[in-house]
Amino acid sequence: MPFSSREWHLVARPVGEPTTSDVALETATVPEPGPGSTCAA
């Protein structure tokens, strides 16, 4: 069963104080763990 993760991405290098237009909150799919691996939440 695939899981998803929310990640902050830097879309522009801030000049001075960071603003909301400098980052984006995106959803990514977390791949299934391989042999000998686990997924911790």
PDB file of N, CA and C in Angstrom:
ATOM      1  N   MET A   1       0.841  -1.168   0.000  1.00  0.00           N
ATOM      2  CA  MET A   1       0.000   0.000   0.000  1.00  0.00           C
ATOM      3  C   MET A   1       0.894   1.240   0.000  1.00  0.00           C
ATOM      4  N   PRO A   2       0.831   2.072  -1.018  1.00  0.00           N
ATOM      5  CA  PRO A   2       1.680   3.266  -1.053  1.00  0.00           C
ATOM      6  C   PRO A   2       1.217   4.320  -0.046  1.00  0.00           C
ATOM      7  N   PHE A   3       2.170   4.999   0.517  1.00  0.00           N
ATOM      8  CA  PHE A   3       1.900   6.079   1.460  1.00  0.00           C
ATOM      9  C   PHE A   3       2.226   7.404   0.788  1.00  0.00           C
ATOM     10  N   SER A   4       1.696   8.477   1.326  1.00  0.00           N
ATOM     11  CA  SER A   4       2.063   9.791   0.814  1.00  0.00           C
ATOM     12  C   SER A   4       2.680  10.607   1.940  1.00  0.00           C
ATOM     13  N   SER A   5       3.426  11.607   1.551  1.00  0.00           N
ATOM     14  CA  SER A   5       4.147  12.457   2.480  1.00  0.00           C
ATOM     15  C   SER A   5       3.962  13.900   2.041  1.00  0.00           C
ATOM     16  N   ARG A   6       3.911  14.813   2.994  1.00  0.00           N
ATOM     17  CA  ARG A   6       3.857  16.235   2.654  1.00  0.00           C
ATOM     18  C   ARG A   6       5.243  16.820   2.864  1.00  0.00           C
ATOM     19  N   GLU A   7       5.727  17.574   1.886  1.00  0.00           N
ATOM     20  CA  GLU A   7       7.095  18.096   1.911  1.00  0.00           C
ATOM     21  C   GLU A   7       7.094  19.581   1.588  1.00  0.00           C
ATOM     22  N   TRP A   8       7.949  20.330   2.281  1.00  0.00           N
ATOM     23  CA  TRP A   8       8.153  21.738   1.949  1.00  0.00           C
ATOM     24  C   TRP A   8       9.245  21.823   0.907  1.00  0.00           C
ATOM     25  N   HIS A   9       8.983  22.547  -0.178  1.00  0.00           N
ATOM     26  CA  HIS A   9       9.959  22.741  -1.252  1.00  0.00           C
ATOM     27  C   HIS A   9      10.292  24.231  -1.349  1.00  0.00           C
ATOM     28  N   LEU A  10      11.574  24.527  -1.441  1.00  0.00           N
ATOM     29  CA  LEU A  10      12.018  25.897  -1.646  1.00  0.00           C
ATOM     30  C   LEU A  10      11.889  26.208  -3.130  1.00  0.00           C
ATOM     31  N   VAL A  11      11.040  27.159  -3.494  1.00  0.00           N
ATOM     32  CA  VAL A  11      10.816  27.482  -4.903  1.00  0.00           C
ATOM     33  C   VAL A  11      11.549  28.746  -5.329  1.00  0.00           C
ATOM     34  N   ALA A  12      11.951  29.570  -4.374  1.00  0.00           N
ATOM     35  CA  ALA A  12      12.730  30.770  -4.677  1.00  0.00           C
ATOM     36  C   ALA A  12      13.594  31.092  -3.467  1.00  0.00           C
ATOM     37  N   ARG A  13      14.824  31.498  -3.735  1.00  0.00           N
ATOM     38  CA  ARG A  13      15.712  31.866  -2.632  1.00  0.00           C
ATOM     39  C   ARG A  13      15.216  33.187  -2.046  1.00  0.00           C
ATOM     40  N   PRO A  14      14.960  33.198  -0.723  1.00  0.00           N
ATOM     41  CA  PRO A  14      14.442  34.413  -0.107  1.00  0.00           C
ATOM     42  C   PRO A  14      15.465  35.554  -0.161  1.00  0.00           C
ATOM     43  N   VAL A  15      14.955  36.744  -0.344  1.00  0.00           N
ATOM     44  CA  VAL A  15      15.758  37.952  -0.227  1.00  0.00           C
ATOM     45  C   VAL A  15      15.198  38.677   0.987  1.00  0.00           C
ATOM     46  N   GLY A  16      15.953  38.704   2.077  1.00  0.00           N
ATOM     47  CA  GLY A  16      15.423  39.234   3.333  1.00  0.00           C
ATOM     48  C   GLY A  16      14.599  38.151   4.025  1.00  0.00           C
ATOM     49  N   GLU A  17      13.504  38.570   4.657  1.00  0.00           N
ATOM     50  CA  GLU A  17      12.632  37.619   5.352  1.00  0.00           C
ATOM     51  C   GLU A  17      11.917  36.720   4.345  1.00  0.00           C
ATOM     52  N   PRO A  18      11.847  35.392   4.611  1.00  0.00           N
ATOM     53  CA  PRO A  18      11.112  34.495   3.713  1.00  0.00           C
ATOM     54  C   PRO A  18       9.623  34.843   3.695  1.00  0.00           C
ATOM     55  N   THR A  19       8.989  34.628   2.549  1.00  0.00           N
ATOM     56  CA  THR A  19       7.549  34.840   2.400  1.00  0.00           C
ATOM     57  C   THR A  19       6.918  33.537   1.911  1.00  0.00           C
ATOM     58  N   THR A  20       5.600  33.488   1.898  1.00  0.00           N
ATOM     59  CA  THR A  20       4.910  32.278   1.466  1.00  0.00           C
ATOM     60  C   THR A  20       5.155  31.962  -0.007  1.00  0.00           C
ATOM     61  N   SER A  21       5.533  32.962  -0.803  1.00  0.00           N
ATOM     62  CA  SER A  21       5.810  32.693  -2.215  1.00  0.00           C
ATOM     63  C   SER A  21       7.176  32.032  -2.422  1.00  0.00           C
ATOM     64  N   ASP A  22       7.993  31.950  -1.373  1.00  0.00           N
ATOM     65  CA  ASP A  22       9.312  31.318  -1.476  1.00  0.00           C
ATOM     66  C   ASP A  22       9.263  29.804  -1.299  1.00  0.00           C
ATOM     67  N   VAL A  23       8.155  29.283  -0.769  1.00  0.00           N
ATOM     68  CA  VAL A  23       8.043  27.849  -0.493  1.00  0.00           C
ATOM     69  C   VAL A  23       6.726  27.299  -1.032  1.00  0.00           C
ATOM     70  N   ALA A  24       6.676  25.976  -1.194  1.00  0.00           N
ATOM     71  CA  ALA A  24       5.447  25.301  -1.619  1.00  0.00           C
ATOM     72  C   ALA A  24       5.316  24.008  -0.832  1.00  0.00           C
ATOM     73  N   LEU A  25       4.117  23.715  -0.361  1.00  0.00           N
ATOM     74  CA  LEU A  25       3.826  22.461   0.329  1.00  0.00           C
ATOM     75  C   LEU A  25       3.289  21.490  -0.708  1.00  0.00           C
ATOM     76  N   GLU A  26       4.020  20.395  -0.930  1.00  0.00           N
ATOM     77  CA  GLU A  26       3.649  19.431  -1.968  1.00  0.00           C
ATOM     78  C   GLU A  26       3.476  18.049  -1.369  1.00  0.00           C
ATOM     79  N   THR A  27       2.694  17.229  -2.051  1.00  0.00           N
ATOM     80  CA  THR A  27       2.468  15.847  -1.642  1.00  0.00           C
ATOM     81  C   THR A  27       3.300  14.929  -2.525  1.00  0.00           C
ATOM     82  N   ALA A  28       4.007  14.002  -1.896  1.00  0.00           N
ATOM     83  CA  ALA A  28       4.842  13.061  -2.636  1.00  0.00           C
ATOM     84  C   ALA A  28       4.471  11.641  -2.227  1.00  0.00           C
ATOM     85  N   THR A  29       4.635  10.704  -3.135  1.00  0.00           N
ATOM     86  CA  THR A  29       4.381   9.295  -2.844  1.00  0.00           C
ATOM     87  C   THR A  29       5.645   8.674  -2.258  1.00  0.00           C
ATOM     88  N   VAL A  30       5.481   7.951  -1.164  1.00  0.00           N
ATOM     89  CA  VAL A  30       6.595   7.261  -0.526  1.00  0.00           C
ATOM     90  C   VAL A  30       6.624   5.843  -1.071  1.00  0.00           C
ATOM     91  N   PRO A  31       7.735   5.421  -1.667  1.00  0.00           N
ATOM     92  CA  PRO A  31       7.780   4.077  -2.242  1.00  0.00           C
ATOM     93  C   PRO A  31       7.728   2.989  -1.167  1.00  0.00           C
ATOM     94  N   GLU A  32       7.326   1.805  -1.584  1.00  0.00           N
ATOM     95  CA  GLU A  32       7.307   0.654  -0.671  1.00  0.00           C
ATOM     96  C   GLU A  32       8.736   0.374  -0.198  1.00  0.00           C
ATOM     97  N   PRO A  33       8.917  -0.004   1.072  1.00  0.00           N
ATOM     98  CA  PRO A  33      10.252  -0.343   1.543  1.00  0.00           C
ATOM     99  C   PRO A  33      10.778  -1.587   0.830  1.00  0.00           C
ATOM    100  N   GLY A  34      12.052  -1.604   0.580  1.00  0.00           N
ATOM    101  CA  GLY A  34      12.671  -2.748  -0.057  1.00  0.00           C
ATOM    102  C   GLY A  34      12.924  -3.875   0.927  1.00  0.00           C
ATOM    103  N   PRO A  35      13.488  -4.963   0.460  1.00  0.00           N
ATOM    104  CA  PRO A  35      13.796  -6.093   1.353  1.00  0.00           C
ATOM    105  C   PRO A  35      14.726  -5.654   2.490  1.00  0.00           C
ATOM    106  N   GLY A  36      14.382  -6.031   3.698  1.00  0.00           N
ATOM    107  CA  GLY A  36      15.190  -5.689   4.863  1.00  0.00           C
ATOM    108  C   GLY A  36      14.967  -4.275   5.375  1.00  0.00           C
ATOM    109  N   SER A  37      13.981  -3.541   4.811  1.00  0.00           N
ATOM    110  CA  SER A  37      13.691  -2.170   5.216  1.00  0.00           C
ATOM    111  C   SER A  37      12.293  -2.101   5.824  1.00  0.00           C
ATOM    112  N   THR A  38      12.061  -1.051   6.612  1.00  0.00           N
ATOM    113  CA  THR A  38      10.744  -0.818   7.179  1.00  0.00           C
ATOM    114  C   THR A  38      10.339   0.620   6.942  1.00  0.00           C
ATOM    115  N   CYS A  39       9.067   0.913   7.084  1.00  0.00           N
ATOM    116  CA  CYS A  39       8.553   2.268   6.978  1.00  0.00           C
ATOM    117  C   CYS A  39       8.027   2.663   8.357  1.00  0.00           C
ATOM    118  N   ALA A  40       8.618   3.707   8.956  1.00  0.00           N
ATOM    119  CA  ALA A  40       8.182   4.185  10.269  1.00  0.00           C
ATOM    120  C   ALA A  40       7.380   5.462  10.087  1.00  0.00           C
ATOM    121  N   ALA A  41       6.276   5.541  10.787  1.00  0.00           N
ATOM    122  CA  ALA A  41       5.437   6.746  10.667  1.00  0.00           C
ATOM    123  C   ALA A  41       5.374   7.472  11.988  1.00  0.00           C
TER     124      ALA A  41
END
